[in-house]
Amino acid sequence: MNEYQKAVGVPTSELDLRGVICPYNFVKTKLKLETMKEGEVLSVLLDDGDPIRNVPRSVENEGHTVLTQERVDQAYRVLIRREESD
């Protein structure tokens, strides 16, 4: 991944978590982020309701950056940048 891709948030990985209930969607997101390098971007598809309310907040609490949240049909696409963990 080059610096431009990092800057604009081009996803290096994607998870489709539509139909996955809380807290499993956050757990799967967290586990995927742990396999990624700092600065890489994960695209996550989440359902409306609890998933879109809880997962972005939870990953920010873990120290990662939510770059965008956009509506896609009946779901949401959230782009999350992996930040360095302690």
PDB file of N, CA and C in Angstrom:
ATOM      1  N   MET A   1       0.850  -1.185   0.000  1.00  0.00           N
ATOM      2  CA  MET A   1       0.000   0.000   0.000  1.00  0.00           C
ATOM      3  C   MET A   1       0.886   1.236   0.000  1.00  0.00           C
ATOM      4  N   ASN A   2       0.557   2.184  -0.862  1.00  0.00           N
ATOM      5  CA  ASN A   2       1.353   3.408  -0.911  1.00  0.00           C
ATOM      6  C   ASN A   2       0.761   4.478   0.009  1.00  0.00           C
ATOM      7  N   GLU A   3       1.468   5.595   0.121  1.00  0.00           N
ATOM      8  CA  GLU A   3       1.042   6.669   1.032  1.00  0.00           C
ATOM      9  C   GLU A   3      -0.301   7.266   0.615  1.00  0.00           C
ATOM     10  N   TYR A   4      -0.543   7.349  -0.701  1.00  0.00           N
ATOM     11  CA  TYR A   4      -1.819   7.893  -1.167  1.00  0.00           C
ATOM     12  C   TYR A   4      -2.977   7.031  -0.695  1.00  0.00           C
ATOM     13  N   GLN A   5      -2.849   5.708  -0.846  1.00  0.00           N
ATOM     14  CA  GLN A   5      -3.919   4.813  -0.410  1.00  0.00           C
ATOM     15  C   GLN A   5      -4.167   4.967   1.085  1.00  0.00           C
ATOM     16  N   LYS A   6      -3.095   5.088   1.874  1.00  0.00           N
ATOM     17  CA  LYS A   6      -3.259   5.278   3.319  1.00  0.00           C
ATOM     18  C   LYS A   6      -3.993   6.583   3.605  1.00  0.00           C
ATOM     19  N   ALA A   7      -3.642   7.636   2.866  1.00  0.00           N
ATOM     20  CA  ALA A   7      -4.221   8.961   3.114  1.00  0.00           C
ATOM     21  C   ALA A   7      -5.713   8.997   2.799  1.00  0.00           C
ATOM     22  N   VAL A   8      -6.111   8.352   1.709  1.00  0.00           N
ATOM     23  CA  VAL A   8      -7.521   8.428   1.307  1.00  0.00           C
ATOM     24  C   VAL A   8      -8.360   7.303   1.878  1.00  0.00           C
ATOM     25  N   GLY A   9      -7.723   6.340   2.516  1.00  0.00           N
ATOM     26  CA  GLY A   9      -8.491   5.281   3.154  1.00  0.00           C
ATOM     27  C   GLY A   9      -8.961   4.197   2.211  1.00  0.00           C
ATOM     28  N   VAL A  10      -8.111   3.808   1.252  1.00  0.00           N
ATOM     29  CA  VAL A  10      -8.448   2.705   0.352  1.00  0.00           C
ATOM     30  C   VAL A  10      -8.339   1.399   1.145  1.00  0.00           C
ATOM     31  N   PRO A  11      -9.418   0.622   1.201  1.00  0.00           N
ATOM     32  CA  PRO A  11      -9.394  -0.594   2.027  1.00  0.00           C
ATOM     33  C   PRO A  11      -8.381  -1.618   1.544  1.00  0.00           C
ATOM     34  N   THR A  12      -7.694  -2.236   2.486  1.00  0.00           N
ATOM     35  CA  THR A  12      -6.806  -3.351   2.174  1.00  0.00           C
ATOM     36  C   THR A  12      -7.495  -4.674   2.505  1.00  0.00           C
ATOM     37  N   SER A  13      -8.544  -4.626   3.314  1.00  0.00           N
ATOM     38  CA  SER A  13      -9.323  -5.816   3.675  1.00  0.00           C
ATOM     39  C   SER A  13     -10.785  -5.422   3.816  1.00  0.00           C
ATOM     40  N   GLU A  14     -11.658  -6.432   3.699  1.00  0.00           N
ATOM     41  CA  GLU A  14     -13.088  -6.162   3.855  1.00  0.00           C
ATOM     42  C   GLU A  14     -13.749  -7.292   4.636  1.00  0.00           C
ATOM     43  N   LEU A  15     -14.683  -6.907   5.498  1.00  0.00           N
ATOM     44  CA  LEU A  15     -15.511  -7.868   6.229  1.00  0.00           C
ATOM     45  C   LEU A  15     -16.965  -7.555   5.927  1.00  0.00           C
ATOM     46  N   ASP A  16     -17.731  -8.580   5.583  1.00  0.00           N
ATOM     47  CA  ASP A  16     -19.171  -8.416   5.398  1.00  0.00           C
ATOM     48  C   ASP A  16     -19.836  -9.020   6.628  1.00  0.00           C
ATOM     49  N   LEU A  17     -20.277  -8.151   7.541  1.00  0.00           N
ATOM     50  CA  LEU A  17     -20.873  -8.611   8.795  1.00  0.00           C
ATOM     51  C   LEU A  17     -22.373  -8.368   8.846  1.00  0.00           C
ATOM     52  N   ARG A  18     -22.994  -8.239   7.682  1.00  0.00           N
ATOM     53  CA  ARG A  18     -24.448  -8.110   7.656  1.00  0.00           C
ATOM     54  C   ARG A  18     -25.040  -9.413   8.177  1.00  0.00           C
ATOM     55  N   GLY A  19     -26.002  -9.289   9.065  1.00  0.00           N
ATOM     56  CA  GLY A  19     -26.639 -10.466   9.640  1.00  0.00           C
ATOM     57  C   GLY A  19     -25.928 -10.998  10.880  1.00  0.00           C
ATOM     58  N   VAL A  20     -24.795 -10.394  11.229  1.00  0.00           N
ATOM     59  CA  VAL A  20     -24.049 -10.811  12.426  1.00  0.00           C
ATOM     60  C   VAL A  20     -24.481  -9.922  13.589  1.00  0.00           C
ATOM     61  N   ILE A  21     -24.851 -10.532  14.704  1.00  0.00           N
ATOM     62  CA  ILE A  21     -25.382  -9.765  15.836  1.00  0.00           C
ATOM     63  C   ILE A  21     -24.267  -9.280  16.765  1.00  0.00           C
ATOM     64  N   CYS A  22     -24.592  -8.248  17.548  1.00  0.00           N
ATOM     65  CA  CYS A  22     -23.679  -7.758  18.580  1.00  0.00           C
ATOM     66  C   CYS A  22     -23.593  -8.815  19.682  1.00  0.00           C
ATOM     67  N   PRO A  23     -22.462  -9.033  20.302  1.00  0.00           N
ATOM     68  CA  PRO A  23     -21.184  -8.343  20.077  1.00  0.00           C
ATOM     69  C   PRO A  23     -20.288  -9.056  19.073  1.00  0.00           C
ATOM     70  N   TYR A  24     -20.792 -10.072  18.363  1.00  0.00           N
ATOM     71  CA  TYR A  24     -19.927 -10.843  17.472  1.00  0.00           C
ATOM     72  C   TYR A  24     -19.361 -10.013  16.331  1.00  0.00           C
ATOM     73  N   ASN A  25     -20.146  -9.029  15.847  1.00  0.00           N
ATOM     74  CA  ASN A  25     -19.631  -8.198  14.757  1.00  0.00           C
ATOM     75  C   ASN A  25     -18.429  -7.366  15.229  1.00  0.00           C
ATOM     76  N   PHE A  26     -18.462  -6.874  16.464  1.00  0.00           N
ATOM     77  CA  PHE A  26     -17.298  -6.144  16.984  1.00  0.00           C
ATOM     78  C   PHE A  26     -16.116  -7.082  17.200  1.00  0.00           C
ATOM     79  N   VAL A  27     -16.375  -8.261  17.751  1.00  0.00           N
ATOM     80  CA  VAL A  27     -15.289  -9.228  18.003  1.00  0.00           C
ATOM     81  C   VAL A  27     -14.598  -9.588  16.683  1.00  0.00           C
ATOM     82  N   LYS A  28     -15.378  -9.860  15.640  1.00  0.00           N
ATOM     83  CA  LYS A  28     -14.793 -10.213  14.346  1.00  0.00           C
ATOM     84  C   LYS A  28     -14.005  -9.032  13.770  1.00  0.00           C
ATOM     85  N   THR A  29     -14.523  -7.815  13.933  1.00  0.00           N
ATOM     86  CA  THR A  29     -13.819  -6.623  13.465  1.00  0.00           C
ATOM     87  C   THR A  29     -12.501  -6.455  14.210  1.00  0.00           C
ATOM     88  N   LYS A  30     -12.544  -6.592  15.533  1.00  0.00           N
ATOM     89  CA  LYS A  30     -11.339  -6.446  16.354  1.00  0.00           C
ATOM     90  C   LYS A  30     -10.285  -7.486  15.982  1.00  0.00           C
ATOM     91  N   LEU A  31     -10.703  -8.742  15.820  1.00  0.00           N
ATOM     92  CA  LEU A  31      -9.765  -9.800  15.468  1.00  0.00           C
ATOM     93  C   LEU A  31      -9.122  -9.537  14.100  1.00  0.00           C
ATOM     94  N   LYS A  32      -9.918  -9.056  13.140  1.00  0.00           N
ATOM     95  CA  LYS A  32      -9.367  -8.750  11.816  1.00  0.00           C
ATOM     96  C   LYS A  32      -8.359  -7.610  11.907  1.00  0.00           C
ATOM     97  N   LEU A  33      -8.686  -6.558  12.664  1.00  0.00           N
ATOM     98  CA  LEU A  33      -7.763  -5.431  12.819  1.00  0.00           C
ATOM     99  C   LEU A  33      -6.439  -5.882  13.431  1.00  0.00           C
ATOM    100  N   GLU A  34      -6.501  -6.848  14.345  1.00  0.00           N
ATOM    101  CA  GLU A  34      -5.276  -7.333  14.989  1.00  0.00           C
ATOM    102  C   GLU A  34      -4.342  -8.020  14.002  1.00  0.00           C
ATOM    103  N   THR A  35      -4.872  -8.515  12.869  1.00  0.00           N
ATOM    104  CA  THR A  35      -4.026  -9.186  11.871  1.00  0.00           C
ATOM    105  C   THR A  35      -3.443  -8.200  10.868  1.00  0.00           C
ATOM    106  N   MET A  36      -3.865  -6.945  10.928  1.00  0.00           N
ATOM    107  CA  MET A  36      -3.461  -5.948   9.944  1.00  0.00           C
ATOM    108  C   MET A  36      -2.296  -5.113  10.461  1.00  0.00           C
ATOM    109  N   LYS A  37      -1.600  -4.466   9.516  1.00  0.00           N
ATOM    110  CA  LYS A  37      -0.488  -3.586   9.868  1.00  0.00           C
ATOM    111  C   LYS A  37      -1.013  -2.185  10.161  1.00  0.00           C
ATOM    112  N   GLU A  38      -0.253  -1.451  10.951  1.00  0.00           N
ATOM    113  CA  GLU A  38      -0.624  -0.065  11.253  1.00  0.00           C
ATOM    114  C   GLU A  38      -0.780   0.720   9.951  1.00  0.00           C
ATOM    115  N   GLY A  39      -1.861   1.491   9.865  1.00  0.00           N
ATOM    116  CA  GLY A  39      -2.108   2.320   8.692  1.00  0.00           C
ATOM    117  C   GLY A  39      -2.979   1.650   7.641  1.00  0.00           C
ATOM    118  N   GLU A  40      -3.141   0.335   7.703  1.00  0.00           N
ATOM    119  CA  GLU A  40      -4.015  -0.337   6.746  1.00  0.00           C
ATOM    120  C   GLU A  40      -5.469  -0.024   7.073  1.00  0.00           C
ATOM    121  N   VAL A  41      -6.327  -0.137   6.062  1.00  0.00           N
ATOM    122  CA  VAL A  41      -7.737   0.242   6.207  1.00  0.00           C
ATOM    123  C   VAL A  41      -8.622  -0.979   6.001  1.00  0.00           C
ATOM    124  N   LEU A  42      -9.551  -1.156   6.937  1.00  0.00           N
ATOM    125  CA  LEU A  42     -10.526  -2.240   6.886  1.00  0.00           C
ATOM    126  C   LEU A  42     -11.887  -1.663   6.538  1.00  0.00           C
ATOM    127  N   SER A  43     -12.540  -2.266   5.545  1.00  0.00           N
ATOM    128  CA  SER A  43     -13.914  -1.921   5.189  1.00  0.00           C
ATOM    129  C   SER A  43     -14.828  -2.954   5.827  1.00  0.00           C
ATOM    130  N   VAL A  44     -15.814  -2.474   6.600  1.00  0.00           N
ATOM    131  CA  VAL A  44     -16.742  -3.379   7.284  1.00  0.00           C
ATOM    132  C   VAL A  44     -18.165  -3.024   6.863  1.00  0.00           C
ATOM    133  N   LEU A  45     -18.927  -4.033   6.450  1.00  0.00           N
ATOM    134  CA  LEU A  45     -20.344  -3.843   6.154  1.00  0.00           C
ATOM    135  C   LEU A  45     -21.147  -4.256   7.379  1.00  0.00           C
ATOM    136  N   LEU A  46     -21.970  -3.328   7.864  1.00  0.00           N
ATOM    137  CA  LEU A  46     -22.739  -3.545   9.092  1.00  0.00           C
ATOM    138  C   LEU A  46     -24.212  -3.246   8.853  1.00  0.00           C
ATOM    139  N   ASP A  47     -25.050  -3.925   9.609  1.00  0.00           N
ATOM    140  CA  ASP A  47     -26.486  -3.650   9.564  1.00  0.00           C
ATOM    141  C   ASP A  47     -26.809  -2.352  10.292  1.00  0.00           C
ATOM    142  N   ASP A  48     -27.993  -1.822   9.997  1.00  0.00           N
ATOM    143  CA  ASP A  48     -28.526  -0.661  10.701  1.00  0.00           C
ATOM    144  C   ASP A  48     -28.842  -1.063  12.144  1.00  0.00           C
ATOM    145  N   GLY A  49     -29.034  -0.074  13.005  1.00  0.00           N
ATOM    146  CA  GLY A  49     -29.393  -0.367  14.393  1.00  0.00           C
ATOM    147  C   GLY A  49     -28.169  -0.497  15.280  1.00  0.00           C
ATOM    148  N   ASP A  50     -28.201  -1.490  16.183  1.00  0.00           N
ATOM    149  CA  ASP A  50     -27.105  -1.670  17.132  1.00  0.00           C
ATOM    150  C   ASP A  50     -25.737  -1.804  16.475  1.00  0.00           C
ATOM    151  N   PRO A  51     -25.596  -2.589  15.392  1.00  0.00           N
ATOM    152  CA  PRO A  51     -24.256  -2.730  14.815  1.00  0.00           C
ATOM    153  C   PRO A  51     -23.621  -1.399  14.407  1.00  0.00           C
ATOM    154  N   ILE A  52     -24.357  -0.549  13.690  1.00  0.00           N
ATOM    155  CA  ILE A  52     -23.752   0.707  13.228  1.00  0.00           C
ATOM    156  C   ILE A  52     -23.577   1.683  14.395  1.00  0.00           C
ATOM    157  N   ARG A  53     -24.349   1.544  15.435  1.00  0.00           N
ATOM    158  CA  ARG A  53     -24.162   2.402  16.615  1.00  0.00           C
ATOM    159  C   ARG A  53     -22.979   1.941  17.461  1.00  0.00           C
ATOM    160  N   ASN A  54     -22.826   0.630  17.611  1.00  0.00           N
ATOM    161  CA  ASN A  54     -21.847   0.101  18.571  1.00  0.00           C
ATOM    162  C   ASN A  54     -20.454  -0.168  18.014  1.00  0.00           C
ATOM    163  N   VAL A  55     -20.363  -0.739  16.819  1.00  0.00           N
ATOM    164  CA  VAL A  55     -19.050  -1.153  16.312  1.00  0.00           C
ATOM    165  C   VAL A  55     -18.112   0.034  16.094  1.00  0.00           C
ATOM    166  N   PRO A  56     -18.533   1.122  15.399  1.00  0.00           N
ATOM    167  CA  PRO A  56     -17.595   2.235  15.230  1.00  0.00           C
ATOM    168  C   PRO A  56     -17.121   2.819  16.576  1.00  0.00           C
ATOM    169  N   ARG A  57     -18.020   2.960  17.514  1.00  0.00           N
ATOM    170  CA  ARG A  57     -17.644   3.491  18.837  1.00  0.00           C
ATOM    171  C   ARG A  57     -16.652   2.558  19.527  1.00  0.00           C
ATOM    172  N   SER A  58     -16.902   1.262  19.429  1.00  0.00           N
ATOM    173  CA  SER A  58     -16.032   0.282  20.085  1.00  0.00           C
ATOM    174  C   SER A  58     -14.635   0.259  19.482  1.00  0.00           C
ATOM    175  N   VAL A  59     -14.522   0.345  18.138  1.00  0.00           N
ATOM    176  CA  VAL A  59     -13.181   0.321  17.549  1.00  0.00           C
ATOM    177  C   VAL A  59     -12.427   1.610  17.869  1.00  0.00           C
ATOM    178  N   GLU A  60     -13.145   2.734  17.974  1.00  0.00           N
ATOM    179  CA  GLU A  60     -12.485   3.972  18.396  1.00  0.00           C
ATOM    180  C   GLU A  60     -12.004   3.857  19.838  1.00  0.00           C
ATOM    181  N   ASN A  61     -12.786   3.204  20.687  1.00  0.00           N
ATOM    182  CA  ASN A  61     -12.359   2.977  22.073  1.00  0.00           C
ATOM    183  C   ASN A  61     -11.105   2.111  22.130  1.00  0.00           C
ATOM    184  N   GLU A  62     -10.907   1.272  21.105  1.00  0.00           N
ATOM    185  CA  GLU A  62      -9.711   0.419  21.015  1.00  0.00           C
ATOM    186  C   GLU A  62      -8.518   1.194  20.469  1.00  0.00           C
ATOM    187  N   GLY A  63      -8.749   2.445  20.051  1.00  0.00           N
ATOM    188  CA  GLY A  63      -7.648   3.287  19.569  1.00  0.00           C
ATOM    189  C   GLY A  63      -7.503   3.380  18.064  1.00  0.00           C
ATOM    190  N   HIS A  64      -8.456   2.815  17.310  1.00  0.00           N
ATOM    191  CA  HIS A  64      -8.399   2.885  15.848  1.00  0.00           C
ATOM    192  C   HIS A  64      -9.203   4.094  15.368  1.00  0.00           C
ATOM    193  N   THR A  65      -9.066   4.435  14.080  1.00  0.00           N
ATOM    194  CA  THR A  65      -9.716   5.615  13.528  1.00  0.00           C
ATOM    195  C   THR A  65     -10.811   5.220  12.544  1.00  0.00           C
ATOM    196  N   VAL A  66     -12.037   5.697  12.789  1.00  0.00           N
ATOM    197  CA  VAL A  66     -13.132   5.511  11.837  1.00  0.00           C
ATOM    198  C   VAL A  66     -13.023   6.641  10.819  1.00  0.00           C
ATOM    199  N   LEU A  67     -12.725   6.280   9.566  1.00  0.00           N
ATOM    200  CA  LEU A  67     -12.530   7.281   8.515  1.00  0.00           C
ATOM    201  C   LEU A  67     -13.850   7.743   7.922  1.00  0.00           C
ATOM    202  N   THR A  68     -14.726   6.801   7.598  1.00  0.00           N
ATOM    203  CA  THR A  68     -16.023   7.146   7.005  1.00  0.00           C
ATOM    204  C   THR A  68     -17.076   6.126   7.407  1.00  0.00           C
ATOM    205  N   GLN A  69     -18.323   6.580   7.348  1.00  0.00           N
ATOM    206  CA  GLN A  69     -19.488   5.696   7.483  1.00  0.00           C
ATOM    207  C   GLN A  69     -20.447   6.129   6.392  1.00  0.00           C
ATOM    208  N   GLU A  70     -20.798   5.198   5.512  1.00  0.00           N
ATOM    209  CA  GLU A  70     -21.729   5.556   4.439  1.00  0.00           C
ATOM    210  C   GLU A  70     -22.795   4.484   4.282  1.00  0.00           C
ATOM    211  N   ARG A  71     -23.976   4.941   3.938  1.00  0.00           N
ATOM    212  CA  ARG A  71     -25.107   4.034   3.726  1.00  0.00           C
ATOM    213  C   ARG A  71     -24.912   3.310   2.394  1.00  0.00           C
ATOM    214  N   VAL A  72     -25.088   2.000   2.391  1.00  0.00           N
ATOM    215  CA  VAL A  72     -24.988   1.189   1.173  1.00  0.00           C
ATOM    216  C   VAL A  72     -26.193   0.247   1.179  1.00  0.00           C
ATOM    217  N   ASP A  73     -27.179   0.552   0.338  1.00  0.00           N
ATOM    218  CA  ASP A  73     -28.425  -0.218   0.310  1.00  0.00           C
ATOM    219  C   ASP A  73     -29.033  -0.270   1.721  1.00  0.00           C
ATOM    220  N   GLN A  74     -29.211  -1.464   2.271  1.00  0.00           N
ATOM    221  CA  GLN A  74     -29.817  -1.601   3.603  1.00  0.00           C
ATOM    222  C   GLN A  74     -28.771  -1.698   4.712  1.00  0.00           C
ATOM    223  N   ALA A  75     -27.514  -1.417   4.387  1.00  0.00           N
ATOM    224  CA  ALA A  75     -26.431  -1.568   5.367  1.00  0.00           C
ATOM    225  C   ALA A  75     -25.566  -0.308   5.387  1.00  0.00           C
ATOM    226  N   TYR A  76     -24.478  -0.376   6.127  1.00  0.00           N
ATOM    227  CA  TYR A  76     -23.501   0.706   6.192  1.00  0.00           C
ATOM    228  C   TYR A  76     -22.115   0.152   5.925  1.00  0.00           C
ATOM    229  N   ARG A  77     -21.295   0.936   5.198  1.00  0.00           N
ATOM    230  CA  ARG A  77     -19.886   0.596   5.019  1.00  0.00           C
ATOM    231  C   ARG A  77     -19.089   1.546   5.910  1.00  0.00           C
ATOM    232  N   VAL A  78     -18.280   0.969   6.772  1.00  0.00           N
ATOM    233  CA  VAL A  78     -17.441   1.736   7.678  1.00  0.00           C
ATOM    234  C   VAL A  78     -15.983   1.459   7.332  1.00  0.00           C
ATOM    235  N   LEU A  79     -15.213   2.524   7.115  1.00  0.00           N
ATOM    236  CA  LEU A  79     -13.784   2.375   6.861  1.00  0.00           C
ATOM    237  C   LEU A  79     -13.030   2.700   8.146  1.00  0.00           C
ATOM    238  N   ILE A  80     -12.188   1.755   8.570  1.00  0.00           N
ATOM    239  CA  ILE A  80     -11.464   1.874   9.839  1.00  0.00           C
ATOM    240  C   ILE A  80      -9.972   1.752   9.559  1.00  0.00           C
ATOM    241  N   ARG A  81      -9.198   2.743  10.028  1.00  0.00           N
ATOM    242  CA  ARG A  81      -7.746   2.668   9.883  1.00  0.00           C
ATOM    243  C   ARG A  81      -7.140   2.046  11.127  1.00  0.00           C
ATOM    244  N   ARG A  82      -6.321   1.036  10.905  1.00  0.00           N
ATOM    245  CA  ARG A  82      -5.621   0.343  12.001  1.00  0.00           C
ATOM    246  C   ARG A  82      -4.557   1.280  12.561  1.00  0.00           C
ATOM    247  N   GLU A  83      -4.624   1.529  13.849  1.00  0.00           N
ATOM    248  CA  GLU A  83      -3.632   2.369  14.515  1.00  0.00           C
ATOM    249  C   GLU A  83      -2.727   1.475  15.358  1.00  0.00           C
ATOM    250  N   GLU A  84      -1.589   2.009  15.710  1.00  0.00           N
ATOM    251  CA  GLU A  84      -0.640   1.239  16.532  1.00  0.00           C
ATOM    252  C   GLU A  84      -1.272   0.923  17.862  1.00  0.00           C
ATOM    253  N   SER A  85      -1.125  -0.310  18.301  1.00  0.00           N
ATOM    254  CA  SER A  85      -1.677  -0.702  19.599  1.00  0.00           C
ATOM    255  C   SER A  85      -0.564  -0.765  20.633  1.00  0.00           C
ATOM    256  N   ASP A  86      -0.941  -0.582  21.881  1.00  0.00           N
ATOM    257  CA  ASP A  86       0.070  -0.606  22.952  1.00  0.00           C
ATOM    258  C   ASP A  86       0.453  -2.024  23.301  1.00  0.00           C
TER     259      ASP A  86
END
